[in-house]
Amino acid sequence: MRSIKLLAAVAALAMLAACSSLDVVANQAGKSFDALIEAAGSEKRDAGWAIKSPDGQASFIWAKSGSDDALLEIDIQPFLDAGLDPSLLPSNYTVSGGVFTIEIPKSDASSADAPEKAFKNIILNHRTSIGYHPDMDHFNIELGGGNLFEWAKDMLVLTDTDTNQEKDAVFALNPEPFKNAGVNLEAVDGWAHAEVPVHVDGVSTLVWKLLKPFNLL
């Protein structure tokens, strides 16, 4: 009987730990995104807001057109220079005015009048779009098809061993659609083609991404 009670207690502790891990998004994703906005600044964009990479080649836009939409807007020229045929991109990759966008529309109307509040609406209304990457200590928002925008849980880098690894924010693209559209993935200026760890069903595995990381502090 004692061993059964002990096993039950261990199981309860494991469940509590799992719940605490899941709660890190609800408890800290909004606050850490606030810190990202403070460090990077936000740009007003079509009834929404944008955070741009320092080189100006990539933007994460949220609450576009007064809704909870979120999208990536990427300078297309480096991809064209690396062999991209835009006509071969998937239908949710919209090409216009020298950029391509990757968007997952959200249907809930937003009355947010500030960038911080608008992003918290996404966390509240679309919780499954927000993830946590423990290997890098990053939160991320999923834009569909393996495309992500990530930001550090803690902008402050204290040591060389911090899990943040001095990457305050990262644009991460699924390379397969670009490869299928003729892009030489090793030749996209301003982007790195590299393997990164992700968690699938609780197991860490390596996947290929096109990455644009940047530091703010």
N, C-alpha and C. Protein backbone atom coordinates (compact mmCIF):
# COMPACT_ATOMS: atom_id res chain seq x y z
N MET A 1 0.84 -1.21 0.00
CA MET A 1 0.00 0.00 0.00
C MET A 1 0.88 1.25 0.00
N ARG A 2 1.98 1.21 0.77
CA ARG A 2 2.85 2.38 0.83
C ARG A 2 3.47 2.68 -0.54
N SER A 3 3.89 1.59 -1.27
CA SER A 3 4.50 1.79 -2.58
C SER A 3 3.50 2.38 -3.56
N ILE A 4 2.23 1.99 -3.46
CA ILE A 4 1.20 2.53 -4.33
C ILE A 4 1.02 4.02 -4.07
N LYS A 5 1.00 4.39 -2.76
CA LYS A 5 0.88 5.81 -2.40
C LYS A 5 2.06 6.60 -2.92
N LEU A 6 3.27 6.00 -2.84
CA LEU A 6 4.47 6.68 -3.29
C LEU A 6 4.42 6.91 -4.80
N LEU A 7 3.98 5.87 -5.54
CA LEU A 7 3.86 6.01 -6.99
C LEU A 7 2.84 7.08 -7.36
N ALA A 8 1.74 7.13 -6.60
CA ALA A 8 0.72 8.14 -6.86
C ALA A 8 1.26 9.54 -6.61
N ALA A 9 2.06 9.68 -5.56
CA ALA A 9 2.64 10.98 -5.24
C ALA A 9 3.61 11.42 -6.33
N VAL A 10 4.44 10.47 -6.82
CA VAL A 10 5.39 10.78 -7.88
C VAL A 10 4.64 11.21 -9.15
N ALA A 11 3.56 10.48 -9.46
CA ALA A 11 2.75 10.81 -10.64
C ALA A 11 2.14 12.20 -10.51
N ALA A 12 1.67 12.52 -9.30
CA ALA A 12 1.06 13.84 -9.08
C ALA A 12 2.10 14.94 -9.25
N LEU A 13 3.32 14.71 -8.75
CA LEU A 13 4.38 15.70 -8.90
C LEU A 13 4.76 15.88 -10.37
N ALA A 14 4.79 14.77 -11.11
CA ALA A 14 5.12 14.86 -12.54
C ALA A 14 4.06 15.66 -13.28
N MET A 15 2.79 15.44 -12.93
CA MET A 15 1.70 16.17 -13.57
C MET A 15 1.78 17.65 -13.23
N LEU A 16 2.12 17.96 -11.98
CA LEU A 16 2.25 19.35 -11.56
C LEU A 16 3.38 20.03 -12.31
N ALA A 17 4.49 19.32 -12.49
CA ALA A 17 5.63 19.89 -13.22
C ALA A 17 5.25 20.16 -14.67
N ALA A 18 4.50 19.22 -15.27
CA ALA A 18 4.06 19.40 -16.65
C ALA A 18 3.16 20.60 -16.78
N CYS A 19 2.23 20.76 -15.83
CA CYS A 19 1.32 21.90 -15.86
C CYS A 19 2.08 23.21 -15.71
N SER A 20 3.10 23.22 -14.82
CA SER A 20 3.89 24.43 -14.62
C SER A 20 4.62 24.81 -15.89
N SER A 21 5.11 23.77 -16.63
CA SER A 21 5.80 24.02 -17.89
C SER A 21 4.86 24.63 -18.90
N LEU A 22 3.62 24.11 -18.96
CA LEU A 22 2.64 24.65 -19.90
C LEU A 22 2.25 26.08 -19.53
N ASP A 23 2.20 26.36 -18.23
CA ASP A 23 1.77 27.67 -17.77
C ASP A 23 2.78 28.76 -18.05
N VAL A 24 4.01 28.41 -18.43
CA VAL A 24 5.03 29.42 -18.67
C VAL A 24 4.58 30.37 -19.78
N VAL A 25 3.80 29.87 -20.74
CA VAL A 25 3.31 30.74 -21.81
C VAL A 25 2.30 31.73 -21.26
N ALA A 26 1.30 31.21 -20.53
CA ALA A 26 0.27 32.09 -19.97
C ALA A 26 0.86 33.09 -19.00
N ASN A 27 1.86 32.65 -18.22
CA ASN A 27 2.40 33.49 -17.16
C ASN A 27 3.44 34.50 -17.64
N GLN A 28 4.20 34.16 -18.69
CA GLN A 28 5.37 34.98 -19.00
C GLN A 28 5.49 35.42 -20.46
N ALA A 29 4.76 34.82 -21.40
CA ALA A 29 4.93 35.17 -22.81
C ALA A 29 4.60 36.63 -23.06
N GLY A 30 3.49 37.12 -22.48
CA GLY A 30 3.11 38.51 -22.67
C GLY A 30 4.12 39.48 -22.11
N LYS A 31 4.61 39.20 -20.89
CA LYS A 31 5.58 40.09 -20.25
C LYS A 31 6.88 40.14 -21.05
N SER A 32 7.32 38.97 -21.55
CA SER A 32 8.58 38.96 -22.30
C SER A 32 8.41 39.68 -23.64
N PHE A 33 7.22 39.59 -24.24
CA PHE A 33 6.99 40.32 -25.48
C PHE A 33 6.96 41.82 -25.23
N ASP A 34 6.44 42.23 -24.08
CA ASP A 34 6.50 43.64 -23.69
C ASP A 34 7.95 44.13 -23.66
N ALA A 35 8.84 43.27 -23.09
CA ALA A 35 10.25 43.63 -23.00
C ALA A 35 10.87 43.71 -24.39
N LEU A 36 10.44 42.83 -25.31
CA LEU A 36 10.92 42.89 -26.68
C LEU A 36 10.52 44.21 -27.35
N ILE A 37 9.26 44.61 -27.15
CA ILE A 37 8.79 45.87 -27.73
C ILE A 37 9.59 47.05 -27.17
N GLU A 38 9.86 47.01 -25.87
CA GLU A 38 10.61 48.10 -25.24
C GLU A 38 12.03 48.17 -25.81
N ALA A 39 12.63 46.99 -26.05
CA ALA A 39 14.01 46.97 -26.54
C ALA A 39 14.10 47.27 -28.03
N ALA A 40 13.16 46.74 -28.83
CA ALA A 40 13.25 46.86 -30.29
C ALA A 40 12.46 48.03 -30.82
N GLY A 41 11.45 48.47 -30.07
CA GLY A 41 10.53 49.47 -30.58
C GLY A 41 9.51 48.82 -31.50
N SER A 42 8.36 49.45 -31.66
CA SER A 42 7.33 48.92 -32.57
C SER A 42 6.92 50.03 -33.52
N GLU A 43 6.61 49.62 -34.73
CA GLU A 43 6.26 50.55 -35.80
C GLU A 43 4.79 50.37 -36.14
N LYS A 44 4.01 51.47 -36.18
CA LYS A 44 2.60 51.38 -36.53
C LYS A 44 2.47 50.95 -37.97
N ARG A 45 1.57 50.00 -38.23
CA ARG A 45 1.45 49.46 -39.58
C ARG A 45 0.02 49.01 -39.87
N ASP A 46 -0.73 49.77 -40.67
CA ASP A 46 -2.07 49.36 -41.13
C ASP A 46 -2.95 48.86 -39.98
N ALA A 47 -3.19 49.70 -39.00
CA ALA A 47 -4.01 49.34 -37.84
C ALA A 47 -3.40 48.21 -37.03
N GLY A 48 -2.09 48.01 -37.22
CA GLY A 48 -1.38 47.01 -36.42
C GLY A 48 -0.02 47.55 -36.04
N TRP A 49 0.89 46.66 -35.65
CA TRP A 49 2.24 47.06 -35.24
C TRP A 49 3.24 46.08 -35.81
N ALA A 50 4.49 46.52 -35.95
CA ALA A 50 5.53 45.68 -36.51
C ALA A 50 6.81 45.82 -35.71
N ILE A 51 7.54 44.71 -35.59
CA ILE A 51 8.92 44.71 -35.11
C ILE A 51 9.79 44.28 -36.27
N LYS A 52 10.83 45.10 -36.59
CA LYS A 52 11.68 44.84 -37.74
C LYS A 52 13.05 44.35 -37.28
N SER A 53 13.65 43.50 -38.10
CA SER A 53 15.04 43.12 -37.87
C SER A 53 15.92 44.34 -38.10
N PRO A 54 17.07 44.43 -37.44
CA PRO A 54 17.93 45.61 -37.59
C PRO A 54 18.34 45.88 -39.03
N ASP A 55 18.45 44.85 -39.88
CA ASP A 55 18.82 45.07 -41.28
C ASP A 55 17.64 45.45 -42.15
N GLY A 56 16.44 45.49 -41.57
CA GLY A 56 15.25 45.90 -42.30
C GLY A 56 14.69 44.86 -43.25
N GLN A 57 15.26 43.66 -43.27
CA GLN A 57 14.83 42.64 -44.23
C GLN A 57 13.61 41.84 -43.79
N ALA A 58 13.26 41.90 -42.53
CA ALA A 58 12.16 41.06 -42.04
C ALA A 58 11.37 41.80 -40.97
N SER A 59 10.05 41.61 -40.99
CA SER A 59 9.17 42.22 -39.98
C SER A 59 8.19 41.17 -39.47
N PHE A 60 7.93 41.23 -38.17
CA PHE A 60 6.81 40.49 -37.59
C PHE A 60 5.71 41.51 -37.33
N ILE A 61 4.53 41.27 -37.88
CA ILE A 61 3.41 42.20 -37.78
C ILE A 61 2.25 41.50 -37.08
N TRP A 62 1.61 42.21 -36.15
CA TRP A 62 0.48 41.61 -35.45
C TRP A 62 -0.67 42.61 -35.32
N ALA A 63 -1.88 42.09 -35.11
CA ALA A 63 -3.10 42.89 -35.02
C ALA A 63 -3.30 43.72 -36.28
N LYS A 64 -2.97 43.16 -37.43
CA LYS A 64 -3.10 43.87 -38.70
C LYS A 64 -4.58 44.07 -39.04
N SER A 65 -4.90 45.24 -39.55
CA SER A 65 -6.26 45.58 -40.01
C SER A 65 -7.31 45.43 -38.92
N GLY A 66 -6.92 45.68 -37.67
CA GLY A 66 -7.88 45.70 -36.58
C GLY A 66 -8.33 44.35 -36.10
N SER A 67 -7.62 43.29 -36.48
CA SER A 67 -7.97 41.95 -36.00
C SER A 67 -6.76 41.38 -35.26
N ASP A 68 -6.86 40.11 -34.88
CA ASP A 68 -5.75 39.47 -34.19
C ASP A 68 -4.80 38.78 -35.16
N ASP A 69 -4.79 39.21 -36.42
CA ASP A 69 -3.91 38.61 -37.41
C ASP A 69 -2.44 38.73 -36.98
N ALA A 70 -1.64 37.78 -37.46
CA ALA A 70 -0.19 37.84 -37.28
C ALA A 70 0.45 37.38 -38.57
N LEU A 71 1.54 38.03 -38.95
CA LEU A 71 2.18 37.65 -40.20
C LEU A 71 3.65 38.02 -40.20
N LEU A 72 4.39 37.38 -41.10
CA LEU A 72 5.77 37.73 -41.37
C LEU A 72 5.82 38.43 -42.72
N GLU A 73 6.61 39.50 -42.80
CA GLU A 73 6.81 40.23 -44.05
C GLU A 73 8.31 40.23 -44.31
N ILE A 74 8.73 39.63 -45.43
CA ILE A 74 10.14 39.37 -45.70
C ILE A 74 10.56 39.99 -47.03
N ASP A 75 11.71 40.67 -47.04
CA ASP A 75 12.29 41.20 -48.27
C ASP A 75 12.59 40.04 -49.22
N ILE A 76 12.01 40.09 -50.41
CA ILE A 76 12.12 38.95 -51.33
C ILE A 76 13.43 38.94 -52.11
N GLN A 77 14.13 40.08 -52.20
CA GLN A 77 15.28 40.16 -53.10
C GLN A 77 16.38 39.14 -52.79
N PRO A 78 16.78 38.93 -51.53
CA PRO A 78 17.81 37.92 -51.28
C PRO A 78 17.40 36.52 -51.75
N PHE A 79 16.11 36.23 -51.73
CA PHE A 79 15.63 34.93 -52.18
C PHE A 79 15.62 34.86 -53.71
N LEU A 80 15.25 35.97 -54.36
CA LEU A 80 15.33 36.03 -55.82
C LEU A 80 16.77 35.85 -56.29
N ASP A 81 17.70 36.53 -55.59
CA ASP A 81 19.11 36.43 -55.94
C ASP A 81 19.64 35.00 -55.77
N ALA A 82 18.98 34.23 -54.89
CA ALA A 82 19.41 32.84 -54.64
C ALA A 82 18.62 31.85 -55.48
N GLY A 83 17.83 32.35 -56.46
CA GLY A 83 17.19 31.45 -57.40
C GLY A 83 15.69 31.28 -57.27
N LEU A 84 15.03 32.05 -56.40
CA LEU A 84 13.60 31.87 -56.17
C LEU A 84 12.76 32.14 -57.42
N ASP A 85 11.83 31.23 -57.69
CA ASP A 85 10.75 31.44 -58.65
C ASP A 85 9.48 31.67 -57.83
N PRO A 86 9.04 32.92 -57.66
CA PRO A 86 7.89 33.21 -56.78
C PRO A 86 6.62 32.45 -57.14
N SER A 87 6.45 32.11 -58.42
CA SER A 87 5.24 31.40 -58.84
C SER A 87 5.15 30.00 -58.26
N LEU A 88 6.26 29.49 -57.73
CA LEU A 88 6.27 28.13 -57.18
C LEU A 88 6.07 28.11 -55.66
N LEU A 89 5.92 29.28 -55.04
CA LEU A 89 5.67 29.32 -53.60
C LEU A 89 4.25 28.88 -53.29
N PRO A 90 4.00 28.36 -52.07
CA PRO A 90 2.64 27.97 -51.68
C PRO A 90 1.67 29.15 -51.72
N SER A 91 0.39 28.86 -51.77
CA SER A 91 -0.62 29.89 -51.95
C SER A 91 -0.70 30.88 -50.79
N ASN A 92 -0.25 30.48 -49.59
CA ASN A 92 -0.31 31.41 -48.45
C ASN A 92 0.93 32.30 -48.37
N TYR A 93 1.82 32.22 -49.36
CA TYR A 93 2.96 33.12 -49.47
C TYR A 93 2.57 34.18 -50.50
N THR A 94 2.23 35.36 -50.04
CA THR A 94 1.76 36.43 -50.91
C THR A 94 2.92 37.34 -51.29
N VAL A 95 3.14 37.51 -52.60
CA VAL A 95 4.24 38.33 -53.09
C VAL A 95 3.69 39.64 -53.63
N SER A 96 4.20 40.78 -53.10
CA SER A 96 3.73 42.08 -53.54
C SER A 96 4.71 43.16 -53.09
N GLY A 97 5.03 44.09 -53.99
CA GLY A 97 5.83 45.25 -53.61
C GLY A 97 7.21 44.95 -53.06
N GLY A 98 7.87 43.93 -53.58
CA GLY A 98 9.23 43.62 -53.16
C GLY A 98 9.34 42.81 -51.89
N VAL A 99 8.21 42.35 -51.35
CA VAL A 99 8.23 41.51 -50.14
C VAL A 99 7.32 40.32 -50.37
N PHE A 100 7.51 39.28 -49.55
CA PHE A 100 6.51 38.23 -49.48
C PHE A 100 6.03 38.13 -48.04
N THR A 101 4.77 37.80 -47.87
CA THR A 101 4.19 37.67 -46.54
C THR A 101 3.73 36.24 -46.32
N ILE A 102 3.82 35.81 -45.07
CA ILE A 102 3.31 34.51 -44.63
C ILE A 102 2.35 34.81 -43.50
N GLU A 103 1.09 34.49 -43.67
CA GLU A 103 0.06 34.93 -42.73
C GLU A 103 -0.84 33.79 -42.31
N ILE A 104 -1.14 33.76 -41.01
CA ILE A 104 -2.19 32.90 -40.48
C ILE A 104 -3.26 33.83 -39.91
N PRO A 105 -4.38 34.05 -40.63
CA PRO A 105 -5.39 34.99 -40.14
C PRO A 105 -6.11 34.47 -38.92
N LYS A 106 -6.39 35.36 -37.99
CA LYS A 106 -7.16 35.05 -36.79
C LYS A 106 -8.50 35.75 -36.89
N SER A 107 -9.57 35.06 -36.53
CA SER A 107 -10.90 35.58 -36.82
C SER A 107 -11.47 36.50 -35.75
N ASP A 108 -10.90 36.49 -34.56
CA ASP A 108 -11.48 37.29 -33.48
C ASP A 108 -11.15 38.77 -33.63
N ALA A 109 -12.17 39.61 -33.55
CA ALA A 109 -11.96 41.05 -33.63
C ALA A 109 -11.20 41.54 -32.40
N SER A 110 -10.35 42.54 -32.60
CA SER A 110 -9.56 43.09 -31.51
C SER A 110 -9.84 44.57 -31.36
N SER A 111 -10.01 45.00 -30.12
CA SER A 111 -10.22 46.43 -29.86
C SER A 111 -8.97 47.06 -29.24
N ALA A 112 -7.84 46.38 -29.36
CA ALA A 112 -6.62 46.85 -28.72
C ALA A 112 -6.16 48.16 -29.32
N ASP A 113 -5.75 49.08 -28.46
CA ASP A 113 -5.24 50.36 -28.91
C ASP A 113 -3.76 50.53 -28.61
N ALA A 114 -3.08 49.44 -28.26
CA ALA A 114 -1.65 49.47 -27.97
C ALA A 114 -1.04 48.14 -28.39
N PRO A 115 0.23 48.14 -28.81
CA PRO A 115 0.84 46.90 -29.30
C PRO A 115 0.89 45.80 -28.25
N GLU A 116 1.17 46.17 -27.00
CA GLU A 116 1.23 45.16 -25.94
C GLU A 116 -0.12 44.48 -25.74
N LYS A 117 -1.18 45.27 -25.69
CA LYS A 117 -2.52 44.72 -25.49
C LYS A 117 -2.94 43.86 -26.68
N ALA A 118 -2.60 44.30 -27.90
CA ALA A 118 -2.95 43.55 -29.09
C ALA A 118 -2.30 42.17 -29.08
N PHE A 119 -1.03 42.09 -28.67
CA PHE A 119 -0.39 40.78 -28.64
C PHE A 119 -0.96 39.91 -27.54
N LYS A 120 -1.30 40.49 -26.41
CA LYS A 120 -1.92 39.70 -25.34
C LYS A 120 -3.27 39.13 -25.80
N ASN A 121 -3.97 39.85 -26.70
CA ASN A 121 -5.20 39.30 -27.26
C ASN A 121 -4.94 38.03 -28.05
N ILE A 122 -3.81 37.99 -28.77
CA ILE A 122 -3.46 36.78 -29.51
C ILE A 122 -3.19 35.64 -28.54
N ILE A 123 -2.43 35.91 -27.47
CA ILE A 123 -2.16 34.88 -26.48
C ILE A 123 -3.46 34.36 -25.87
N LEU A 124 -4.38 35.28 -25.59
CA LEU A 124 -5.64 34.90 -24.96
C LEU A 124 -6.53 34.11 -25.92
N ASN A 125 -6.66 34.59 -27.16
CA ASN A 125 -7.62 34.00 -28.10
C ASN A 125 -7.06 32.85 -28.93
N HIS A 126 -5.73 32.78 -29.04
CA HIS A 126 -5.12 31.78 -29.92
C HIS A 126 -3.93 31.13 -29.21
N ARG A 127 -4.18 30.60 -28.03
CA ARG A 127 -3.13 30.05 -27.18
C ARG A 127 -2.30 28.98 -27.89
N THR A 128 -2.94 28.18 -28.78
CA THR A 128 -2.20 27.10 -29.44
C THR A 128 -1.19 27.62 -30.46
N SER A 129 -1.28 28.90 -30.83
CA SER A 129 -0.30 29.47 -31.76
C SER A 129 0.99 29.86 -31.06
N ILE A 130 0.98 29.94 -29.72
CA ILE A 130 2.14 30.38 -28.95
C ILE A 130 2.81 29.18 -28.32
N GLY A 131 4.12 29.08 -28.50
CA GLY A 131 4.86 27.96 -27.94
C GLY A 131 6.05 28.43 -27.13
N TYR A 132 6.70 27.47 -26.47
CA TYR A 132 7.90 27.76 -25.67
C TYR A 132 8.98 26.76 -26.06
N HIS A 133 10.17 27.28 -26.36
CA HIS A 133 11.30 26.49 -26.81
C HIS A 133 12.33 26.43 -25.68
N PRO A 134 12.28 25.39 -24.84
CA PRO A 134 13.13 25.38 -23.64
C PRO A 134 14.63 25.33 -23.93
N ASP A 135 15.04 24.72 -25.05
CA ASP A 135 16.47 24.64 -25.36
C ASP A 135 17.09 26.02 -25.55
N MET A 136 16.31 26.95 -26.11
CA MET A 136 16.79 28.31 -26.37
C MET A 136 16.23 29.32 -25.37
N ASP A 137 15.28 28.88 -24.54
CA ASP A 137 14.59 29.78 -23.61
C ASP A 137 13.87 30.89 -24.39
N HIS A 138 13.21 30.49 -25.47
CA HIS A 138 12.49 31.41 -26.34
C HIS A 138 11.00 31.07 -26.36
N PHE A 139 10.16 32.08 -26.47
CA PHE A 139 8.78 31.90 -26.87
C PHE A 139 8.71 32.02 -28.39
N ASN A 140 7.62 31.50 -28.98
CA ASN A 140 7.46 31.65 -30.41
C ASN A 140 5.99 31.73 -30.78
N ILE A 141 5.72 32.34 -31.92
CA ILE A 141 4.38 32.32 -32.49
C ILE A 141 4.46 31.59 -33.81
N GLU A 142 3.59 30.60 -34.00
CA GLU A 142 3.57 29.76 -35.19
C GLU A 142 2.77 30.46 -36.29
N LEU A 143 3.39 30.61 -37.46
CA LEU A 143 2.73 31.25 -38.59
C LEU A 143 2.30 30.22 -39.63
N GLY A 144 2.32 28.95 -39.25
CA GLY A 144 1.89 27.90 -40.15
C GLY A 144 3.03 27.34 -40.98
N GLY A 145 2.99 26.05 -41.26
CA GLY A 145 3.97 25.42 -42.14
C GLY A 145 5.38 25.42 -41.63
N GLY A 146 5.56 25.51 -40.32
CA GLY A 146 6.91 25.51 -39.76
C GLY A 146 7.60 26.85 -39.76
N ASN A 147 6.85 27.94 -40.01
CA ASN A 147 7.41 29.30 -39.97
C ASN A 147 7.10 29.94 -38.62
N LEU A 148 8.11 30.57 -38.02
CA LEU A 148 7.98 31.07 -36.65
C LEU A 148 8.60 32.45 -36.50
N PHE A 149 8.10 33.18 -35.52
CA PHE A 149 8.84 34.32 -34.97
C PHE A 149 9.09 34.00 -33.51
N GLU A 150 10.36 34.06 -33.09
CA GLU A 150 10.74 33.73 -31.72
C GLU A 150 11.31 34.95 -31.02
N TRP A 151 11.14 34.97 -29.69
CA TRP A 151 11.75 36.03 -28.90
C TRP A 151 12.17 35.46 -27.55
N ALA A 152 13.20 36.04 -26.98
CA ALA A 152 13.79 35.53 -25.74
C ALA A 152 12.85 35.72 -24.56
N LYS A 153 12.77 34.71 -23.74
CA LYS A 153 12.01 34.82 -22.49
C LYS A 153 12.60 35.90 -21.60
N ASP A 154 13.92 36.05 -21.66
CA ASP A 154 14.61 37.07 -20.87
C ASP A 154 15.57 37.81 -21.80
N MET A 155 15.30 39.08 -22.04
CA MET A 155 16.15 39.88 -22.93
C MET A 155 17.55 40.09 -22.36
N LEU A 156 17.69 40.02 -21.04
CA LEU A 156 18.96 40.34 -20.39
C LEU A 156 19.90 39.15 -20.47
N VAL A 157 21.03 39.31 -21.12
CA VAL A 157 22.04 38.26 -21.23
C VAL A 157 23.10 38.50 -20.15
N LEU A 158 23.24 37.53 -19.26
CA LEU A 158 24.14 37.70 -18.12
C LEU A 158 25.47 37.00 -18.32
N THR A 159 25.45 35.81 -18.95
CA THR A 159 26.67 35.02 -19.08
C THR A 159 26.71 34.39 -20.46
N ASP A 160 27.86 33.84 -20.80
CA ASP A 160 28.03 33.17 -22.09
C ASP A 160 27.27 31.86 -22.15
N THR A 161 26.80 31.35 -21.01
CA THR A 161 26.11 30.06 -20.98
C THR A 161 24.60 30.21 -20.90
N ASP A 162 24.07 31.43 -20.97
CA ASP A 162 22.62 31.60 -20.93
C ASP A 162 21.98 30.85 -22.08
N THR A 163 20.82 30.22 -21.79
CA THR A 163 20.12 29.46 -22.82
C THR A 163 19.65 30.36 -23.96
N ASN A 164 19.44 31.63 -23.70
CA ASN A 164 19.07 32.58 -24.75
C ASN A 164 20.13 32.64 -25.85
N GLN A 165 21.39 32.35 -25.49
CA GLN A 165 22.51 32.34 -26.43
C GLN A 165 22.62 33.64 -27.21
N GLU A 166 22.29 34.75 -26.55
CA GLU A 166 22.43 36.08 -27.13
C GLU A 166 21.63 36.25 -28.42
N LYS A 167 20.50 35.57 -28.53
CA LYS A 167 19.57 35.75 -29.64
C LYS A 167 18.27 36.28 -29.07
N ASP A 168 18.10 37.60 -29.10
CA ASP A 168 16.91 38.20 -28.50
C ASP A 168 15.66 37.93 -29.30
N ALA A 169 15.79 37.80 -30.62
CA ALA A 169 14.65 37.48 -31.48
C ALA A 169 15.17 36.75 -32.71
N VAL A 170 14.31 35.89 -33.28
CA VAL A 170 14.71 35.09 -34.44
C VAL A 170 13.52 34.95 -35.39
N PHE A 171 13.76 35.25 -36.67
CA PHE A 171 12.83 34.86 -37.72
C PHE A 171 13.26 33.48 -38.20
N ALA A 172 12.35 32.52 -38.17
CA ALA A 172 12.68 31.14 -38.53
C ALA A 172 11.70 30.65 -39.60
N LEU A 173 12.22 30.33 -40.77
CA LEU A 173 11.39 29.91 -41.90
C LEU A 173 11.63 28.45 -42.23
N ASN A 174 10.56 27.76 -42.62
CA ASN A 174 10.68 26.41 -43.15
C ASN A 174 11.37 26.49 -44.50
N PRO A 175 12.53 25.85 -44.67
CA PRO A 175 13.26 26.00 -45.94
C PRO A 175 12.66 25.23 -47.11
N GLU A 176 11.81 24.22 -46.85
CA GLU A 176 11.35 23.35 -47.92
C GLU A 176 10.60 24.08 -49.03
N PRO A 177 9.64 24.99 -48.73
CA PRO A 177 8.96 25.68 -49.83
C PRO A 177 9.92 26.50 -50.71
N PHE A 178 10.97 27.04 -50.12
CA PHE A 178 11.94 27.83 -50.88
C PHE A 178 12.83 26.91 -51.73
N LYS A 179 13.22 25.79 -51.15
CA LYS A 179 14.00 24.80 -51.91
C LYS A 179 13.20 24.32 -53.11
N ASN A 180 11.90 24.02 -52.89
CA ASN A 180 11.04 23.55 -53.97
C ASN A 180 10.78 24.62 -55.01
N ALA A 181 10.99 25.90 -54.64
CA ALA A 181 10.79 27.02 -55.57
C ALA A 181 12.11 27.49 -56.18
N GLY A 182 13.16 26.65 -56.07
CA GLY A 182 14.40 26.91 -56.77
C GLY A 182 15.49 27.61 -56.00
N VAL A 183 15.29 27.87 -54.70
CA VAL A 183 16.27 28.64 -53.93
C VAL A 183 17.45 27.77 -53.51
N ASN A 184 18.65 28.30 -53.70
CA ASN A 184 19.86 27.71 -53.12
C ASN A 184 19.90 28.17 -51.66
N LEU A 185 19.57 27.28 -50.75
CA LEU A 185 19.37 27.66 -49.35
C LEU A 185 20.64 28.17 -48.68
N GLU A 186 21.79 27.83 -49.22
CA GLU A 186 23.05 28.28 -48.63
C GLU A 186 23.46 29.66 -49.15
N ALA A 187 22.67 30.21 -50.09
CA ALA A 187 23.09 31.45 -50.74
C ALA A 187 22.12 32.61 -50.51
N VAL A 188 21.24 32.51 -49.51
CA VAL A 188 20.29 33.58 -49.23
C VAL A 188 20.97 34.60 -48.32
N ASP A 189 21.29 35.76 -48.86
CA ASP A 189 22.02 36.77 -48.11
C ASP A 189 21.22 37.24 -46.89
N GLY A 190 21.89 37.23 -45.74
CA GLY A 190 21.25 37.67 -44.50
C GLY A 190 20.53 36.58 -43.74
N TRP A 191 20.51 35.36 -44.29
CA TRP A 191 19.84 34.23 -43.65
C TRP A 191 20.81 33.06 -43.51
N ALA A 192 20.68 32.31 -42.42
CA ALA A 192 21.51 31.13 -42.19
C ALA A 192 20.66 29.88 -42.34
N HIS A 193 21.16 28.90 -43.06
CA HIS A 193 20.49 27.61 -43.19
C HIS A 193 21.13 26.67 -42.17
N ALA A 194 20.38 26.31 -41.15
CA ALA A 194 20.98 25.55 -40.04
C ALA A 194 19.97 24.64 -39.39
N GLU A 195 20.49 23.63 -38.69
CA GLU A 195 19.63 22.74 -37.90
C GLU A 195 19.42 23.35 -36.52
N VAL A 196 18.19 23.27 -36.03
CA VAL A 196 17.87 23.76 -34.70
C VAL A 196 17.06 22.70 -33.96
N PRO A 197 17.19 22.63 -32.64
CA PRO A 197 16.42 21.65 -31.88
C PRO A 197 14.98 22.10 -31.68
N VAL A 198 14.04 21.19 -31.88
CA VAL A 198 12.63 21.44 -31.57
C VAL A 198 12.11 20.26 -30.78
N HIS A 199 11.00 20.49 -30.06
CA HIS A 199 10.40 19.42 -29.27
C HIS A 199 9.16 18.91 -29.99
N VAL A 200 9.16 17.62 -30.30
CA VAL A 200 8.02 16.95 -30.93
C VAL A 200 7.55 15.85 -30.00
N ASP A 201 6.33 16.01 -29.47
CA ASP A 201 5.78 15.05 -28.51
C ASP A 201 6.72 14.86 -27.32
N GLY A 202 7.31 15.97 -26.89
CA GLY A 202 8.17 15.93 -25.71
C GLY A 202 9.59 15.46 -25.97
N VAL A 203 9.91 15.14 -27.22
CA VAL A 203 11.25 14.64 -27.56
C VAL A 203 11.97 15.69 -28.41
N SER A 204 13.21 16.01 -28.03
CA SER A 204 13.99 16.99 -28.77
C SER A 204 14.55 16.36 -30.04
N THR A 205 14.35 17.04 -31.17
CA THR A 205 14.87 16.56 -32.45
C THR A 205 15.38 17.76 -33.25
N LEU A 206 16.23 17.50 -34.23
CA LEU A 206 16.81 18.58 -35.03
C LEU A 206 16.04 18.73 -36.34
N VAL A 207 15.73 19.98 -36.71
CA VAL A 207 15.09 20.26 -37.99
C VAL A 207 15.83 21.42 -38.65
N TRP A 208 15.75 21.49 -39.99
CA TRP A 208 16.40 22.56 -40.73
C TRP A 208 15.50 23.78 -40.80
N LYS A 209 16.09 24.96 -40.64
CA LYS A 209 15.37 26.22 -40.76
C LYS A 209 16.25 27.24 -41.50
N LEU A 210 15.61 28.23 -42.09
CA LEU A 210 16.30 29.44 -42.52
C LEU A 210 16.14 30.46 -41.39
N LEU A 211 17.26 30.97 -40.86
CA LEU A 211 17.23 31.75 -39.63
C LEU A 211 17.78 33.16 -39.84
N LYS A 212 17.11 34.11 -39.22
CA LYS A 212 17.64 35.48 -39.11
C LYS A 212 17.53 35.88 -37.64
N PRO A 213 18.58 35.61 -36.85
CA PRO A 213 18.58 36.01 -35.44
C PRO A 213 19.14 37.43 -35.29
N PHE A 214 18.72 38.10 -34.21
CA PHE A 214 19.34 39.40 -33.92
C PHE A 214 19.29 39.68 -32.43
N ASN A 215 20.22 40.51 -32.01
CA ASN A 215 20.36 40.92 -30.62
C ASN A 215 19.93 42.38 -30.47
N LEU A 216 19.44 42.72 -29.30
CA LEU A 216 18.96 44.07 -29.05
C LEU A 216 19.69 44.76 -27.91
N LEU A 217 20.23 43.99 -26.97
CA LEU A 217 20.87 44.58 -25.79
C LEU A 217 22.35 44.26 -25.76
